[in-house]
């Protein structure tokens, strides 16, 4: 069958026309300032870039959010502006919804639902969600992909490559080539709602028996490559629970910890998008009982050896075993590491692992505001890399770092007070790289992701 929304040249050219002038103009200002030695108002320039991205649906807005959550990947003025981008873009109207549903399910699509809300419940960068009720009476969340997203992705990734090229000319301390490859691969995956459905099935397996985390069920008869129907999970916005009791906030934080670290330590899988809109809190008898995990587009599956490196680095830092720490870095693909570069990497590693190494009840980072989480450590690392680098960051770290920072920010929002060390040690109990490999292979094969 012909695919009217494949990666079309006409679609890419249209996207270039809409995006390229604004984004290219910002990049030109940065390059010009560098070339002619003139001063640049980074705050104003960053604001212009955020404005260029914020009015768009599609991947560039999502990329802006990603860049803002990886400390020191972009200058701090840009990170501050990009962090303000919200996924709740203006929704598409009912004529679009009707056409999209007809294209995916046929002309009698409405007869396949008991009811279907015309107004979306949520609108994001790549698609929007509508509440519906299936013929079996189950409440559903129906996600529709915006039109021409494949063309938009390829056009936007070309723009991103240009932005990275400009930034490399300004600051070559970090080789961003692997970072660009990783972002590109993950965003392309997010276009495939069939893959997202398999991700949801995978999480159903990985979190089976975990009472603190609820995973929706897939409705395959009402799902396609660009349409995904999941059971609706009732819950409240996570930030609405910031003023609840400490016990409730700790319960939510523990659920978040389990939803992230348990799949990673047992299956080598992480949820790579820590955006607060991807979670809601369910209640039991009026008290927070755990979280609903809602979105499965950005899932990262790691080779078992990478997970083993994470565990080895933890033990190396805990036991102050420098040889084990270096072996962990090398197992991830870091090459040519001098003592100075190792020390620089250790600054960042100790920041990421700090709550996990500290066997006491504590907040994730005492007295640090969410927007500043990790910035000081990133600055210190950057100073060393500017002098001793460059260093090529293995691509696996893009979403590992992004998710870890995002998860930490959630804990800061909740003001949770937990013994993160003991929670982490519990997830590592019985860890074995070979066993993880067998477990991962069986789970992926069971949902069609092998």
Protein backbone atom coordinates (compact mmCIF):
# COMPACT_ATOMS: atom_id res chain seq x y z
CA UNK A 1 0.00 0.00 0.00
CA UNK A 2 1.21 3.52 -0.75
CA UNK A 3 1.96 5.64 2.29
CA UNK A 4 0.81 9.23 1.77
CA UNK A 5 2.79 10.37 4.82
CA UNK A 6 6.15 8.79 4.13
CA UNK A 7 9.27 10.93 4.26
CA UNK A 8 8.36 13.15 1.30
CA UNK A 9 10.65 15.75 -0.28
CA UNK A 10 7.73 18.18 -0.55
CA UNK A 11 6.96 17.71 3.13
CA UNK A 12 10.58 18.34 4.10
CA UNK A 13 10.80 21.47 1.93
CA UNK A 14 7.62 22.81 3.53
CA UNK A 15 9.09 22.19 6.96
CA UNK A 16 12.36 23.91 6.01
CA UNK A 17 10.40 26.96 4.92
CA UNK A 18 8.50 27.12 8.22
CA UNK A 19 11.42 26.37 10.51
CA UNK A 20 14.63 27.22 8.71
CA UNK A 21 14.27 30.99 8.64
CA UNK A 22 13.83 31.31 12.40
CA UNK A 23 16.29 28.63 13.51
CA UNK A 24 18.79 29.46 10.78
CA UNK A 25 18.62 33.13 11.73
CA UNK A 26 19.54 32.34 15.31
CA UNK A 27 22.39 30.08 14.20
CA UNK A 28 23.65 32.76 11.80
CA UNK A 29 23.82 35.31 14.62
CA UNK A 30 25.87 32.93 16.75
CA UNK A 31 28.22 32.08 13.87
CA UNK A 32 28.58 35.74 12.89
CA UNK A 33 29.46 36.81 16.40
CA UNK A 34 32.10 34.08 16.51
CA UNK A 35 33.52 34.95 13.10
CA UNK A 36 33.73 38.73 13.59
CA UNK A 37 34.53 38.72 17.30
CA UNK A 38 31.45 40.74 18.20
CA UNK A 39 29.54 40.41 21.44
CA UNK A 40 26.37 38.36 21.52
CA UNK A 41 23.41 38.77 23.85
CA UNK A 42 23.10 35.09 24.69
CA UNK A 43 19.98 35.57 26.75
CA UNK A 44 18.15 37.36 23.95
CA UNK A 45 19.45 34.93 21.34
CA UNK A 46 18.37 31.95 23.43
CA UNK A 47 14.93 33.48 23.83
CA UNK A 48 14.64 33.82 20.05
CA UNK A 49 15.58 30.17 19.62
CA UNK A 50 13.01 29.06 22.21
CA UNK A 51 10.37 31.16 20.44
CA UNK A 52 11.29 29.56 17.10
CA UNK A 53 10.87 26.08 18.56
CA UNK A 54 7.98 26.71 20.92
CA UNK A 55 5.44 27.58 18.24
CA UNK A 56 5.95 24.25 16.48
CA UNK A 57 4.53 20.81 16.72
CA UNK A 58 7.05 18.13 15.97
CA UNK A 59 10.50 16.92 16.91
CA UNK A 60 12.41 20.20 17.16
CA UNK A 61 10.31 21.21 20.16
CA UNK A 62 11.01 17.81 21.70
CA UNK A 63 14.71 18.19 20.91
CA UNK A 64 14.68 21.54 22.69
CA UNK A 65 13.34 19.83 25.81
CA UNK A 66 16.00 17.09 25.54
CA UNK A 67 18.85 19.59 25.16
CA UNK A 68 17.66 21.53 28.19
CA UNK A 69 17.80 18.48 30.47
CA UNK A 70 21.37 17.36 29.62
CA UNK A 71 23.53 19.77 31.65
CA UNK A 72 26.17 21.67 29.73
CA UNK A 73 25.25 20.20 26.37
CA UNK A 74 24.22 23.72 25.36
CA UNK A 75 25.20 27.05 26.99
CA UNK A 76 23.29 27.74 30.23
CA UNK A 77 21.39 30.70 28.73
CA UNK A 78 20.00 28.38 26.06
CA UNK A 79 19.22 25.59 28.55
CA UNK A 80 17.22 27.99 30.72
CA UNK A 81 15.09 29.13 27.78
CA UNK A 82 14.65 25.68 26.25
CA UNK A 83 13.56 24.24 29.59
CA UNK A 84 10.49 26.46 29.39
CA UNK A 85 9.21 24.70 26.29
CA UNK A 86 6.04 22.80 27.11
CA UNK A 87 4.75 19.66 25.44
CA UNK A 88 1.19 20.96 25.65
CA UNK A 89 1.16 22.46 22.15
CA UNK A 90 -2.13 23.78 20.70
CA UNK A 91 -4.28 20.81 19.59
CA UNK A 92 -5.48 19.98 16.10
CA UNK A 93 -9.18 20.55 15.47
CA UNK A 94 -12.00 18.11 14.90
CA UNK A 95 -11.71 18.05 11.06
CA UNK A 96 -8.13 16.78 11.44
CA UNK A 97 -9.19 14.20 14.03
CA UNK A 98 -11.99 12.90 11.82
CA UNK A 99 -9.68 12.58 8.79
CA UNK A 100 -6.94 10.91 10.83
CA UNK A 101 -9.29 8.38 12.44
CA UNK A 102 -10.87 7.57 9.07
CA UNK A 103 -7.44 7.08 7.47
CA UNK A 104 -6.34 4.70 10.25
CA UNK A 105 -9.54 2.74 11.04
CA UNK A 106 -11.76 3.24 7.99
CA UNK A 107 -14.90 5.28 7.23
CA UNK A 108 -16.98 3.59 9.94
CA UNK A 109 -14.41 4.27 12.67
CA UNK A 110 -16.90 5.95 15.04
CA UNK A 111 -18.95 2.74 15.20
CA UNK A 112 -15.96 1.00 16.77
CA UNK A 113 -16.27 3.16 19.88
CA UNK A 114 -19.11 3.55 22.35
CA UNK A 115 -18.09 7.21 22.59
CA UNK A 116 -15.24 9.46 21.47
CA UNK A 117 -14.50 12.93 22.87
CA UNK A 118 -14.06 15.57 20.18
CA UNK A 119 -11.86 17.77 22.38
CA UNK A 120 -8.40 16.34 23.12
CA UNK A 121 -7.45 15.57 26.71
CA UNK A 122 -3.80 16.41 25.99
CA UNK A 123 -1.72 17.72 23.08
CA UNK A 124 2.00 17.05 22.74
CA UNK A 125 4.81 17.56 20.23
CA UNK A 126 4.12 14.56 17.96
CA UNK A 127 0.46 13.79 18.62
CA UNK A 128 -2.62 14.41 20.76
CA UNK A 129 -4.74 12.25 23.06
CA UNK A 130 -8.53 11.87 23.12
CA UNK A 131 -10.65 10.13 25.74
CA UNK A 132 -12.93 7.43 24.38
CA UNK A 133 -14.91 4.40 25.51
CA UNK A 134 -14.56 1.08 23.72
CA UNK A 135 -17.42 -1.19 22.78
CA UNK A 136 -16.49 -3.34 25.79
CA UNK A 137 -17.04 -0.36 28.11
CA UNK A 138 -13.39 0.25 28.89
CA UNK A 139 -12.19 3.86 29.11
CA UNK A 140 -9.47 4.51 26.53
CA UNK A 141 -6.72 7.03 25.80
CA UNK A 142 -6.51 7.34 22.00
CA UNK A 143 -3.33 8.99 20.72
CA UNK A 144 -3.29 10.32 17.15
CA UNK A 145 -0.07 11.33 15.41
CA UNK A 146 -0.04 14.72 13.70
CA UNK A 147 0.12 14.64 9.88
CA UNK A 148 3.44 14.57 7.98
CA UNK A 149 5.49 13.92 11.09
CA UNK A 150 8.00 11.70 9.29
CA UNK A 151 8.87 14.51 6.90
CA UNK A 152 8.98 16.94 9.83
CA UNK A 153 11.37 14.66 11.74
CA UNK A 154 13.86 14.42 8.89
CA UNK A 155 13.70 18.15 8.20
CA UNK A 156 14.11 19.02 11.86
CA UNK A 157 17.01 16.63 12.37
CA UNK A 158 18.78 18.36 9.48
CA UNK A 159 18.24 21.67 11.28
CA UNK A 160 19.55 20.14 14.50
CA UNK A 161 22.67 18.92 12.72
CA UNK A 162 23.28 22.51 11.60
CA UNK A 163 22.83 23.85 15.15
CA UNK A 164 25.26 21.27 16.53
CA UNK A 165 27.77 22.17 13.83
CA UNK A 166 27.59 25.84 14.83
CA UNK A 167 27.98 24.97 18.50
CA UNK A 168 31.02 22.76 17.80
CA UNK A 169 32.74 25.76 16.21
CA UNK A 170 32.13 27.75 19.38
CA UNK A 171 33.03 25.03 21.87
CA UNK A 172 34.74 21.79 20.83
CA UNK A 173 35.19 20.36 24.35
CA UNK A 174 32.44 17.77 23.75
CA UNK A 175 32.14 15.84 20.48
CA UNK A 176 28.39 15.88 19.84
CA UNK A 177 28.38 13.39 16.93
CA UNK A 178 27.24 10.43 19.03
CA UNK A 179 24.71 12.63 20.83
CA UNK A 180 23.14 13.62 17.50
CA UNK A 181 22.97 9.99 16.37
CA UNK A 182 21.24 8.94 19.58
CA UNK A 183 18.67 11.75 19.55
CA UNK A 184 17.91 11.02 15.90
CA UNK A 185 17.39 7.30 16.49
CA UNK A 186 15.10 7.77 19.47
CA UNK A 187 12.92 10.43 17.81
CA UNK A 188 12.51 8.29 14.69
CA UNK A 189 11.38 5.44 16.93
CA UNK A 190 8.76 7.66 18.53
CA UNK A 191 7.00 7.95 15.18
CA UNK A 192 6.20 4.22 15.21
CA UNK A 193 3.14 3.78 17.43
CA UNK A 194 3.30 0.04 16.76
CA UNK A 195 6.66 0.02 18.50
CA UNK A 196 5.27 2.13 21.31
CA UNK A 197 2.50 -0.45 21.80
CA UNK A 198 5.17 -3.14 22.15
CA UNK A 199 7.01 -0.93 24.66
CA UNK A 200 3.83 -0.74 26.75
CA UNK A 201 3.52 -4.54 26.64
CA UNK A 202 7.19 -4.78 27.69
CA UNK A 203 6.58 -2.57 30.72
CA UNK A 204 3.56 -4.69 31.61
CA UNK A 205 5.96 -7.65 31.85
CA UNK A 206 8.79 -5.83 33.61
CA UNK A 207 6.60 -4.22 36.29
CA UNK A 208 4.30 -7.20 36.83
CA UNK A 209 3.53 -7.50 40.54
CA UNK A 210 4.75 -3.96 41.33
CA UNK A 211 1.81 -2.36 43.21
CA UNK A 212 3.23 1.19 43.12
CA UNK A 213 3.26 1.50 39.30
CA UNK A 214 0.32 0.97 36.95
CA UNK A 215 0.79 0.29 33.24
CA UNK A 216 -2.09 0.61 30.74
CA UNK A 217 -3.21 -2.22 28.49
CA UNK A 218 -2.97 -1.97 24.71
CA UNK A 219 -6.14 -2.20 22.59
CA UNK A 220 -4.62 -3.69 19.39
CA UNK A 221 -7.89 -3.62 17.39
CA UNK A 222 -7.92 0.17 17.70
CA UNK A 223 -4.21 0.78 17.10
CA UNK A 224 -2.07 1.28 13.98
CA UNK A 225 1.36 2.71 13.16
CA UNK A 226 0.01 6.24 13.75
CA UNK A 227 -2.83 5.54 16.18
CA UNK A 228 -2.43 4.05 19.65
CA UNK A 229 -5.26 3.11 21.97
CA UNK A 230 -4.46 2.30 25.61
CA UNK A 231 -6.72 1.85 28.59
CA UNK A 232 -7.30 5.11 30.44
CA UNK A 233 -5.66 5.29 33.88
CA UNK A 234 -7.32 7.74 36.27
CA UNK A 235 -4.98 9.96 38.22
CA UNK A 236 -4.03 13.48 39.21
CA UNK A 237 -1.16 15.65 38.03
CA UNK A 238 2.03 14.83 39.87
CA UNK A 239 2.75 18.44 40.80
CA UNK A 240 -0.68 18.71 42.45
CA UNK A 241 0.71 16.44 45.19
CA UNK A 242 3.61 18.69 46.19
CA UNK A 243 1.79 19.87 49.31
CA UNK A 244 0.57 16.47 50.46
CA UNK A 245 2.01 14.75 53.54
CA UNK A 246 5.62 13.59 53.50
CA UNK A 247 4.44 9.96 53.54
CA UNK A 248 2.41 10.52 50.36
CA UNK A 249 5.23 12.39 48.63
CA UNK A 250 7.67 9.64 49.59
CA UNK A 251 5.26 7.03 48.24
CA UNK A 252 5.14 8.82 44.87
CA UNK A 253 8.94 9.21 44.80
CA UNK A 254 9.43 5.52 45.65
CA UNK A 255 7.08 4.60 42.81
CA UNK A 256 9.08 6.79 40.42
CA UNK A 257 12.32 5.17 41.60
CA UNK A 258 10.92 1.66 41.05
CA UNK A 259 9.45 2.53 37.65
CA UNK A 260 12.87 3.72 36.47
CA UNK A 261 15.53 1.62 38.23
CA UNK A 262 13.82 -1.78 38.42
CA UNK A 263 13.40 -2.22 34.62
CA UNK A 264 16.96 -0.98 34.13
CA UNK A 265 18.63 -3.28 36.66
CA UNK A 266 16.59 -6.36 35.70
CA UNK A 267 16.06 -5.87 31.94
CA UNK A 268 18.40 -3.09 30.80
CA UNK A 269 15.51 -0.78 29.85
CA UNK A 270 14.76 2.81 30.87
CA UNK A 271 11.93 5.23 30.30
CA UNK A 272 13.87 8.02 28.61
CA UNK A 273 11.35 10.87 28.85
CA UNK A 274 11.02 12.26 32.40
CA UNK A 275 8.51 14.95 31.40
CA UNK A 276 6.03 15.41 34.24
CA UNK A 277 3.10 15.01 31.86
CA UNK A 278 4.05 11.36 31.34
CA UNK A 279 2.96 10.42 34.86
CA UNK A 280 -0.16 10.78 36.96
CA UNK A 281 -0.75 9.79 40.57
CA UNK A 282 -3.47 7.32 41.51
CA UNK A 283 -5.13 7.44 44.91
CA UNK A 284 -6.50 4.80 47.24
CA UNK A 285 -9.00 5.96 49.88
CA UNK A 286 -8.02 9.56 49.17
CA UNK A 287 -4.29 8.95 49.69
CA UNK A 288 -1.58 8.76 47.01
CA UNK A 289 -1.02 5.10 46.21
CA UNK A 290 1.52 5.26 43.36
CA UNK A 291 1.92 6.41 39.77
CA UNK A 292 0.43 5.72 36.37
CA UNK A 293 3.08 5.45 33.63
CA UNK A 294 1.41 6.89 30.55
CA UNK A 295 3.77 7.36 27.60
CA UNK A 296 6.05 4.73 26.01
CA UNK A 297 7.45 6.47 22.96
CA UNK A 298 10.94 7.21 24.29
CA UNK A 299 12.22 3.90 25.65
CA UNK A 300 15.94 3.05 25.63
CA UNK A 301 17.07 -0.60 25.60
CA UNK A 302 20.71 -1.10 26.62
CA UNK A 303 23.06 -4.02 26.03
CA UNK A 304 23.70 -6.00 29.25
CA UNK A 305 27.37 -4.93 29.24
CA UNK A 306 26.31 -1.27 29.58
CA UNK A 307 24.17 -2.10 32.63
CA UNK A 308 27.10 -4.05 34.09
CA UNK A 309 29.23 -0.92 33.65
CA UNK A 310 26.67 1.15 35.60
CA UNK A 311 26.77 -1.38 38.45
CA UNK A 312 30.58 -1.55 38.38
CA UNK A 313 30.89 2.23 38.49
CA UNK A 314 28.57 2.33 41.51
CA UNK A 315 30.65 -0.23 43.38
CA UNK A 316 33.90 1.41 42.26
CA UNK A 317 32.80 4.76 43.66
CA UNK A 318 31.37 3.20 46.82
CA UNK A 319 34.58 1.26 47.53
CA UNK A 320 36.92 3.95 46.12
CA UNK A 321 38.30 1.40 43.68
CA UNK A 322 39.75 3.57 40.88
CA UNK A 323 40.63 0.59 38.68
CA UNK A 324 37.03 -0.60 38.73
CA UNK A 325 35.80 2.92 37.95
CA UNK A 326 38.15 3.21 34.94
CA UNK A 327 37.15 -0.26 33.73
CA UNK A 328 33.50 0.85 33.81
CA UNK A 329 34.24 3.92 31.67
CA UNK A 330 36.23 1.86 29.18
CA UNK A 331 33.47 -0.77 28.95
CA UNK A 332 31.15 2.02 27.78
CA UNK A 333 33.47 3.07 24.97
CA UNK A 334 35.41 5.98 26.48
CA UNK A 335 38.87 5.89 24.90
CA UNK A 336 42.17 7.64 25.52
CA UNK A 337 41.30 8.65 29.07
CA UNK A 338 44.02 10.58 30.88
CA UNK A 339 44.02 10.91 34.66
CA UNK A 340 42.65 14.46 34.28
CA UNK A 341 39.76 13.26 32.11
CA UNK A 342 39.02 10.41 34.52
CA UNK A 343 38.88 12.91 37.38
CA UNK A 344 36.52 15.09 35.34
CA UNK A 345 34.21 12.15 34.60
CA UNK A 346 34.28 11.26 38.29
CA UNK A 347 32.93 14.72 39.19
CA UNK A 348 29.84 14.00 37.11
CA UNK A 349 29.60 10.37 38.22
CA UNK A 350 29.74 11.31 41.91
CA UNK A 351 26.99 13.85 41.33
CA UNK A 352 24.72 11.30 39.60
CA UNK A 353 25.47 8.55 42.13
CA UNK A 354 25.64 10.73 45.26
CA UNK A 355 22.17 9.87 46.65
CA UNK A 356 22.75 6.17 45.87
CA UNK A 357 26.10 6.10 47.68
CA UNK A 358 24.81 7.82 50.83
CA UNK A 359 23.28 5.32 53.29
CA UNK A 360 20.90 7.70 55.07
CA UNK A 361 17.51 9.31 54.66
CA UNK A 362 17.97 12.50 52.64
CA UNK A 363 16.56 14.64 49.85
CA UNK A 364 17.95 13.95 46.40
CA UNK A 365 20.10 17.13 46.54
CA UNK A 366 19.73 19.23 49.68
CA UNK A 367 19.01 22.90 48.99
CA UNK A 368 19.34 22.70 45.21
CA UNK A 369 16.57 24.18 43.04
CA UNK A 370 15.31 21.94 40.21
CA UNK A 371 16.52 24.34 37.50
CA UNK A 372 20.05 24.32 38.95
CA UNK A 373 20.28 20.56 39.57
CA UNK A 374 23.69 19.45 38.26
CA UNK A 375 24.73 22.79 36.80
CA UNK A 376 27.64 23.39 39.18
CA UNK A 377 29.12 19.93 38.59
CA UNK A 378 28.60 20.26 34.83
CA UNK A 379 30.47 23.58 34.83
CA UNK A 380 33.45 22.01 36.65
CA UNK A 381 33.53 19.10 34.19
CA UNK A 382 33.29 21.48 31.25
CA UNK A 383 36.25 23.52 32.44
CA UNK A 384 38.44 20.41 32.48
CA UNK A 385 37.19 19.23 29.09
CA UNK A 386 37.90 22.62 27.50
CA UNK A 387 41.51 22.30 28.66
CA UNK A 388 42.10 18.52 28.38
CA UNK A 389 39.42 17.38 25.91
CA UNK A 390 37.69 16.90 23.64
CA UNK A 391 35.90 13.76 24.76
CA UNK A 392 33.37 11.79 22.75
CA UNK A 393 30.38 10.96 24.93
CA UNK A 394 29.02 7.46 24.14
CA UNK A 395 25.53 7.77 22.71
CA UNK A 396 23.95 5.65 25.47
CA UNK A 397 24.54 8.49 27.92
CA UNK A 398 22.20 10.97 26.23
CA UNK A 399 18.97 9.48 27.53
CA UNK A 400 20.57 7.88 30.59
CA UNK A 401 21.70 11.33 31.76
CA UNK A 402 18.49 13.00 30.63
CA UNK A 403 16.31 10.54 32.53
CA UNK A 404 18.50 10.64 35.66
CA UNK A 405 18.39 14.45 35.78
CA UNK A 406 14.66 14.48 35.09
CA UNK A 407 14.02 11.87 37.77
CA UNK A 408 16.08 13.86 40.25
CA UNK A 409 14.11 17.00 39.41
CA UNK A 410 10.85 15.15 40.20
CA UNK A 411 12.26 14.14 43.60
CA UNK A 412 13.20 17.76 44.21
CA UNK A 413 9.71 18.95 43.27
CA UNK A 414 8.22 16.43 45.71
CA UNK A 415 10.74 17.26 48.45
CA UNK A 416 11.01 13.51 49.02
CA UNK A 417 13.11 12.21 51.90
CA UNK A 418 14.23 8.63 51.30
CA UNK A 419 17.16 6.29 51.75
CA UNK A 420 17.99 6.09 48.06
CA UNK A 421 21.00 3.89 48.79
CA UNK A 422 18.85 1.10 50.22
CA UNK A 423 16.29 1.42 47.44
CA UNK A 424 19.08 1.05 44.90
CA UNK A 425 20.74 -1.87 46.68
CA UNK A 426 17.38 -3.66 46.68
CA UNK A 427 17.12 -3.31 42.89
CA UNK A 428 20.65 -4.71 42.51
CA UNK A 429 20.02 -7.80 44.64
CA UNK A 430 21.17 -10.86 42.71
CA UNK A 431 22.40 -8.79 39.75
CA UNK A 432 24.16 -10.86 37.11
CA UNK A 433 24.98 -9.63 33.61
CA UNK A 434 24.39 -12.99 31.93
CA UNK A 435 21.09 -13.52 33.73
CA UNK A 436 19.98 -10.02 32.75
CA UNK A 437 20.83 -10.84 29.13
CA UNK A 438 18.68 -13.98 29.16
CA UNK A 439 15.83 -12.15 30.91
CA UNK A 440 16.02 -9.24 28.46
CA UNK A 441 16.08 -11.50 25.42
CA UNK A 442 13.03 -13.43 26.62
CA UNK A 443 11.04 -10.27 27.40
CA UNK A 444 11.89 -8.53 24.12
CA UNK A 445 11.12 -11.68 22.13
CA UNK A 446 7.81 -12.04 23.94
CA UNK A 447 6.58 -8.62 22.74
CA UNK A 448 8.14 -8.66 19.27
CA UNK A 449 11.10 -6.35 19.97
CA UNK A 450 13.92 -8.88 19.74
